[in-house]
C-alpha atoms as a PDB file:
ATOM      1  CA  MET A   1      90.702 -38.256 -52.242  1.00  0.00           C
ATOM      2  CA  SER A   2      88.854 -41.545 -52.477  1.00  0.00           C
ATOM      3  CA  THR A   3      89.480 -44.712 -50.537  1.00  0.00           C
ATOM      4  CA  ILE A   4      89.404 -48.265 -51.829  1.00  0.00           C
ATOM      5  CA  PRO A   5      86.082 -49.057 -50.040  1.00  0.00           C
ATOM      6  CA  GLU A   6      84.501 -45.927 -51.583  1.00  0.00           C
ATOM      7  CA  LEU A   7      85.729 -46.856 -55.045  1.00  0.00           C
ATOM      8  CA  THR A   8      84.531 -50.445 -54.639  1.00  0.00           C
ATOM      9  CA  LYS A   9      81.118 -49.238 -53.447  1.00  0.00           C
ATOM     10  CA  HIS A  10      80.864 -46.876 -56.420  1.00  0.00           C
ATOM     11  CA  ALA A  11      81.798 -49.711 -58.806  1.00  0.00           C
ATOM     12  CA  ARG A  12      79.129 -51.942 -57.222  1.00  0.00           C
ATOM     13  CA  GLU A  13      76.514 -49.189 -57.714  1.00  0.00           C
ATOM     14  CA  LEU A  14      77.480 -48.664 -61.367  1.00  0.00           C
ATOM     15  CA  MET A  15      77.394 -52.404 -62.051  1.00  0.00           C
ATOM     16  CA  HIS A  16      74.046 -52.774 -60.288  1.00  0.00           C
ATOM     17  CA  LYS A  17      72.644 -49.949 -62.446  1.00  0.00           C
ATOM     18  CA  ALA A  18      73.907 -51.747 -65.567  1.00  0.00           C
ATOM     19  CA  VAL A  19      72.103 -54.951 -64.521  1.00  0.00           C
ATOM     20  CA  GLU A  20      68.893 -53.047 -63.700  1.00  0.00           C
ATOM     21  CA  SER A  21      69.049 -51.187 -67.007  1.00  0.00           C
ATOM     22  CA  THR A  22      69.442 -54.484 -68.869  1.00  0.00           C
ATOM     23  CA  LYS A  23      66.449 -55.874 -66.953  1.00  0.00           C
ATOM     24  CA  ARG A  24      64.357 -52.832 -67.966  1.00  0.00           C
ATOM     25  CA  GLU A  25      65.426 -53.171 -71.609  1.00  0.00           C
ATOM     26  CA  PHE A  26      64.387 -56.830 -71.584  1.00  0.00           C
ATOM     27  CA  THR A  27      60.864 -55.995 -70.377  1.00  0.00           C
ATOM     28  CA  SER A  28      60.319 -54.021 -73.577  1.00  0.00           C
ATOM     29  CA  ILE A  29      61.132 -57.086 -75.689  1.00  0.00           C
ATOM     30  CA  ARG A  30      58.103 -59.033 -76.587  1.00  0.00           C
ATOM     31  CA  SER A  31      57.707 -62.649 -75.677  1.00  0.00           C
ATOM     32  CA  GLY A  32      54.566 -64.698 -76.164  1.00  0.00           C
ATOM     33  CA  LYS A  33      52.315 -62.767 -73.803  1.00  0.00           C
ATOM     34  CA  ALA A  34      51.078 -59.177 -73.686  1.00  0.00           C
ATOM     35  CA  SER A  35      52.854 -56.866 -71.283  1.00  0.00           C
ATOM     36  CA  THR A  36      52.169 -53.157 -70.866  1.00  0.00           C
ATOM     37  CA  SER A  37      55.926 -52.523 -70.620  1.00  0.00           C
ATOM     38  CA  LEU A  38      56.173 -53.645 -74.255  1.00  0.00           C
ATOM     39  CA  LEU A  39      55.102 -50.139 -75.322  1.00  0.00           C
ATOM     40  CA  ASP A  40      57.461 -48.316 -72.914  1.00  0.00           C
ATOM     41  CA  ILE A  41      59.896 -47.572 -75.746  1.00  0.00           C
ATOM     42  CA  VAL A  42      57.223 -45.939 -77.948  1.00  0.00           C
ATOM     43  CA  ARG A  43      57.566 -42.155 -78.246  1.00  0.00           C
ATOM     44  CA  VAL A  44      54.636 -40.065 -79.480  1.00  0.00           C
ATOM     45  CA  ASP A  45      54.888 -36.726 -81.322  1.00  0.00           C
ATOM     46  CA  ALA A  46      52.824 -34.596 -78.949  1.00  0.00           C
ATOM     47  CA  TYR A  47      52.903 -31.127 -77.434  1.00  0.00           C
ATOM     48  CA  GLY A  48      55.859 -30.086 -79.589  1.00  0.00           C
ATOM     49  CA  GLY A  49      58.154 -32.987 -78.680  1.00  0.00           C
ATOM     50  CA  HIS A  50      58.605 -36.743 -78.362  1.00  0.00           C
ATOM     51  CA  VAL A  51      56.714 -37.937 -75.294  1.00  0.00           C
ATOM     52  CA  ALA A  52      56.681 -41.424 -73.742  1.00  0.00           C
ATOM     53  CA  LEU A  53      53.440 -43.221 -74.581  1.00  0.00           C
ATOM     54  CA  ASN A  54      52.600 -43.810 -70.901  1.00  0.00           C
ATOM     55  CA  GLN A  55      52.646 -39.999 -70.409  1.00  0.00           C
ATOM     56  CA  VAL A  56      49.789 -39.452 -72.891  1.00  0.00           C
ATOM     57  CA  ALA A  57      47.768 -42.658 -72.603  1.00  0.00           C
ATOM     58  CA  LEU A  58      46.744 -45.504 -70.333  1.00  0.00           C
ATOM     59  CA  VAL A  59      48.126 -48.861 -71.494  1.00  0.00           C
ATOM     60  CA  ALA A  60      46.456 -52.087 -70.371  1.00  0.00           C
ATOM     61  CA  ALA A  61      46.735 -55.793 -71.169  1.00  0.00           C
ATOM     62  CA  PRO A  62      43.178 -57.157 -70.873  1.00  0.00           C
ATOM     63  CA  GLU A  63      43.982 -60.397 -72.730  1.00  0.00           C
ATOM     64  CA  PRO A  64      47.171 -62.455 -73.272  1.00  0.00           C
ATOM     65  CA  ARG A  65      47.418 -61.358 -76.925  1.00  0.00           C
ATOM     66  CA  LEU A  66      45.967 -57.835 -76.745  1.00  0.00           C
ATOM     67  CA  LEU A  67      47.057 -54.449 -75.453  1.00  0.00           C
ATOM     68  CA  THR A  68      44.704 -51.496 -75.238  1.00  0.00           C
ATOM     69  CA  VAL A  69      45.802 -47.873 -75.296  1.00  0.00           C
ATOM     70  CA  GLN A  70      43.427 -45.177 -74.070  1.00  0.00           C
ATOM     71  CA  PRO A  71      44.653 -41.634 -74.851  1.00  0.00           C
ATOM     72  CA  PHE A  72      44.172 -39.031 -72.119  1.00  0.00           C
ATOM     73  CA  ASP A  73      43.695 -36.445 -74.883  1.00  0.00           C
ATOM     74  CA  LYS A  74      41.476 -37.710 -77.730  1.00  0.00           C
ATOM     75  CA  SER A  75      43.216 -35.411 -80.231  1.00  0.00           C
ATOM     76  CA  LEU A  76      46.370 -37.535 -79.883  1.00  0.00           C
ATOM     77  CA  THR A  77      44.721 -40.782 -80.998  1.00  0.00           C
ATOM     78  CA  GLN A  78      46.131 -40.631 -84.551  1.00  0.00           C
ATOM     79  CA  ALA A  79      49.626 -39.672 -83.361  1.00  0.00           C
ATOM     80  CA  ILE A  80      49.652 -42.528 -80.835  1.00  0.00           C
ATOM     81  CA  GLU A  81      48.454 -45.062 -83.408  1.00  0.00           C
ATOM     82  CA  LYS A  82      51.141 -43.850 -85.848  1.00  0.00           C
ATOM     83  CA  ALA A  83      53.879 -44.044 -83.183  1.00  0.00           C
ATOM     84  CA  ILE A  84      52.952 -47.640 -82.312  1.00  0.00           C
ATOM     85  CA  ARG A  85      52.811 -48.649 -85.976  1.00  0.00           C
ATOM     86  CA  GLU A  86      56.211 -47.058 -86.729  1.00  0.00           C
ATOM     87  CA  SER A  87      57.972 -48.539 -83.689  1.00  0.00           C
ATOM     88  CA  ASP A  88      60.198 -51.558 -84.343  1.00  0.00           C
ATOM     89  CA  LEU A  89      57.758 -53.810 -82.519  1.00  0.00           C
ATOM     90  CA  GLY A  90      55.944 -55.052 -85.628  1.00  0.00           C
ATOM     91  CA  LEU A  91      52.512 -54.154 -84.261  1.00  0.00           C
ATOM     92  CA  ASN A  92      49.407 -53.080 -86.167  1.00  0.00           C
ATOM     93  CA  PRO A  93      47.128 -50.954 -83.937  1.00  0.00           C
ATOM     94  CA  ALA A  94      43.481 -50.250 -84.775  1.00  0.00           C
ATOM     95  CA  THR A  95      41.365 -47.433 -83.332  1.00  0.00           C
ATOM     96  CA  GLN A  96      37.843 -48.190 -82.114  1.00  0.00           C
ATOM     97  CA  GLY A  97      36.200 -45.063 -80.777  1.00  0.00           C
ATOM     98  CA  ASN A  98      38.401 -43.723 -77.969  1.00  0.00           C
ATOM     99  CA  LEU A  99      40.373 -46.948 -77.613  1.00  0.00           C
ATOM    100  CA  ILE A 100      43.355 -48.136 -79.615  1.00  0.00           C
ATOM    101  CA  ARG A 101      43.479 -51.933 -79.761  1.00  0.00           C
ATOM    102  CA  VAL A 102      46.911 -53.456 -80.345  1.00  0.00           C
ATOM    103  CA  PRO A 103      46.596 -57.166 -81.160  1.00  0.00           C
ATOM    104  CA  LEU A 104      49.824 -59.098 -80.674  1.00  0.00           C
ATOM    105  CA  PRO A 105      50.415 -61.506 -83.538  1.00  0.00           C
ATOM    106  CA  ALA A 106      51.873 -64.910 -82.739  1.00  0.00           C
ATOM    107  CA  LEU A 107      55.619 -64.807 -83.095  1.00  0.00           C
ATOM    108  CA  SER A 108      57.039 -66.606 -86.104  1.00  0.00           C
ATOM    109  CA  GLU A 109      60.143 -68.734 -85.642  1.00  0.00           C
ATOM    110  CA  GLU A 110      62.160 -66.150 -87.585  1.00  0.00           C
ATOM    111  CA  ARG A 111      60.853 -63.270 -85.435  1.00  0.00           C
ATOM    112  CA  ARG A 112      61.693 -65.242 -82.279  1.00  0.00           C
ATOM    113  CA  LYS A 113      65.274 -65.695 -83.504  1.00  0.00           C
ATOM    114  CA  ASP A 114      65.474 -61.958 -84.302  1.00  0.00           C
ATOM    115  CA  LEU A 115      64.280 -61.146 -80.784  1.00  0.00           C
ATOM    116  CA  VAL A 116      66.845 -63.520 -79.276  1.00  0.00           C
ATOM    117  CA  ARG A 117      69.533 -61.671 -81.254  1.00  0.00           C
ATOM    118  CA  VAL A 118      68.230 -58.364 -79.863  1.00  0.00           C
ATOM    119  CA  VAL A 119      68.339 -59.836 -76.342  1.00  0.00           C
ATOM    120  CA  HIS A 120      71.953 -60.901 -76.834  1.00  0.00           C
ATOM    121  CA  LYS A 121      72.857 -57.443 -78.178  1.00  0.00           C
ATOM    122  CA  LEU A 122      71.232 -55.694 -75.189  1.00  0.00           C
ATOM    123  CA  GLY A 123      72.869 -58.186 -72.837  1.00  0.00           C
ATOM    124  CA  GLU A 124      76.259 -57.429 -74.353  1.00  0.00           C
ATOM    125  CA  GLU A 125      75.624 -53.703 -73.849  1.00  0.00           C
ATOM    126  CA  GLY A 126      74.941 -54.475 -70.176  1.00  0.00           C
ATOM    127  CA  ARG A 127      78.151 -56.502 -69.921  1.00  0.00           C
ATOM    128  CA  ILE A 128      80.081 -53.646 -71.540  1.00  0.00           C
ATOM    129  CA  ALA A 129      78.665 -51.203 -68.969  1.00  0.00           C
ATOM    130  CA  VAL A 130      79.773 -53.544 -66.150  1.00  0.00           C
ATOM    131  CA  ARG A 131      83.255 -53.919 -67.633  1.00  0.00           C
ATOM    132  CA  HIS A 132      83.462 -50.154 -68.122  1.00  0.00           C
ATOM    133  CA  ALA A 133      82.698 -49.653 -64.415  1.00  0.00           C
ATOM    134  CA  ARG A 134      85.482 -52.144 -63.615  1.00  0.00           C
ATOM    135  CA  THR A 135      88.001 -50.375 -65.869  1.00  0.00           C
ATOM    136  CA  GLU A 136      87.124 -46.962 -64.478  1.00  0.00           C
ATOM    137  CA  THR A 137      87.436 -48.172 -60.874  1.00  0.00           C
ATOM    138  CA  LEU A 138      90.714 -50.013 -61.431  1.00  0.00           C
ATOM    139  CA  SER A 139      92.273 -46.959 -63.064  1.00  0.00           C
ATOM    140  CA  LYS A 140      91.254 -44.887 -60.012  1.00  0.00           C
ATOM    141  CA  VAL A 141      92.653 -47.535 -57.649  1.00  0.00           C
ATOM    142  CA  LYS A 142      95.994 -47.477 -59.507  1.00  0.00           C
ATOM    143  CA  LYS A 143      96.191 -43.693 -59.078  1.00  0.00           C
ATOM    144  CA  LEU A 144      95.686 -43.884 -55.299  1.00  0.00           C
ATOM    145  CA  GLU A 145      98.701 -42.775 -53.309  1.00  0.00           C
ATOM    146  CA  LYS A 146      99.850 -43.882 -49.856  1.00  0.00           C
ATOM    147  CA  ILE A 147      98.326 -47.324 -50.381  1.00  0.00           C
ATOM    148  CA  SER A 148     100.378 -50.503 -50.482  1.00  0.00           C
ATOM    149  CA  GLU A 149     100.620 -52.627 -53.624  1.00  0.00           C
ATOM    150  CA  ASP A 150      99.021 -55.503 -51.679  1.00  0.00           C
ATOM    151  CA  ASP A 151      95.964 -53.384 -50.910  1.00  0.00           C
ATOM    152  CA  LYS A 152      95.739 -52.365 -54.556  1.00  0.00           C
ATOM    153  CA  ARG A 153      95.939 -56.027 -55.628  1.00  0.00           C
ATOM    154  CA  HIS A 154      93.222 -56.962 -53.128  1.00  0.00           C
ATOM    155  CA  ALA A 155      91.057 -54.126 -54.443  1.00  0.00           C
ATOM    156  CA  GLU A 156      91.593 -55.365 -58.007  1.00  0.00           C
ATOM    157  CA  LYS A 157      90.521 -58.867 -56.974  1.00  0.00           C
ATOM    158  CA  ASP A 158      87.425 -57.511 -55.197  1.00  0.00           C
ATOM    159  CA  VAL A 159      86.435 -55.398 -58.203  1.00  0.00           C
ATOM    160  CA  GLN A 160      87.007 -58.373 -60.532  1.00  0.00           C
ATOM    161  CA  LYS A 161      84.786 -60.538 -58.314  1.00  0.00           C
ATOM    162  CA  LEU A 162      82.072 -57.852 -58.436  1.00  0.00           C
ATOM    163  CA  THR A 163      82.428 -57.746 -62.218  1.00  0.00           C
ATOM    164  CA  ASP A 164      82.137 -61.523 -62.530  1.00  0.00           C
ATOM    165  CA  ASP A 165      79.051 -61.579 -60.267  1.00  0.00           C
ATOM    166  CA  HIS A 166      77.265 -58.844 -62.223  1.00  0.00           C
ATOM    167  CA  ILE A 167      78.122 -60.362 -65.603  1.00  0.00           C
ATOM    168  CA  LYS A 168      76.763 -63.683 -64.310  1.00  0.00           C
ATOM    169  CA  GLN A 169      73.516 -61.896 -63.347  1.00  0.00           C
ATOM    170  CA  ILE A 170      73.230 -60.449 -66.864  1.00  0.00           C
ATOM    171  CA  ASP A 171      73.918 -63.879 -68.395  1.00  0.00           C
ATOM    172  CA  THR A 172      71.134 -65.325 -66.224  1.00  0.00           C
ATOM    173  CA  LEU A 173      68.756 -62.580 -67.426  1.00  0.00           C
ATOM    174  CA  ILE A 174      69.710 -63.279 -71.060  1.00  0.00           C
ATOM    175  CA  HIS A 175      69.096 -67.006 -70.648  1.00  0.00           C
ATOM    176  CA  ALA A 176      65.722 -66.463 -68.912  1.00  0.00           C
ATOM    177  CA  LYS A 177      64.532 -64.023 -71.609  1.00  0.00           C
ATOM    178  CA  GLU A 178      65.725 -66.346 -74.363  1.00  0.00           C
ATOM    179  CA  VAL A 179      63.749 -69.246 -72.868  1.00  0.00           C
ATOM    180  CA  GLU A 180      60.687 -66.977 -72.511  1.00  0.00           C
ATOM    181  CA  ILE A 181      60.904 -65.871 -76.173  1.00  0.00           C
ATOM    182  CA  LEU A 182      61.489 -69.348 -77.609  1.00  0.00           C
ATOM    183  CA  GLU A 183      58.671 -70.893 -75.563  1.00  0.00           C
ATOM    184  CA  VAL A 184      55.760 -71.563 -77.923  1.00  0.00           C
END
């Protein structure tokens, strides 16, 4: 048997996770400058499975428009280069000895607009997760027994306020990322 405070706390945690997840997703979207988190979404065919790039190589950003990838296991160099090339990031890596250099081309206006669309799509997924947490919590509140209708209404208002706050946070993240991408 749950109580309204427990349900509200759980909703807050779910909504916070949705905001944090959206934040993480945004770090993998490229803006004008190099960021090692850009390659976080790259998966490499290694050791009989798909492994995160940062598990098989060291990623660094020595210059604003360059990432370097240093494989821990030299035999994976080709697989890593292929994984980067085939990711949706539009990057063209080149191997030099034991180091894979990943130059970041300047973003074209069209590519910037595409990235903004991706940001909006990811932001909407975050909003959906927040709204889902609200719906789930409100349905549990409605099922509570031995609680007055007033308390249920107050709980609904509290959960709605939480929802509004978290959606506002996601909107702020979207706006900040959009500005970062469109900045030339």
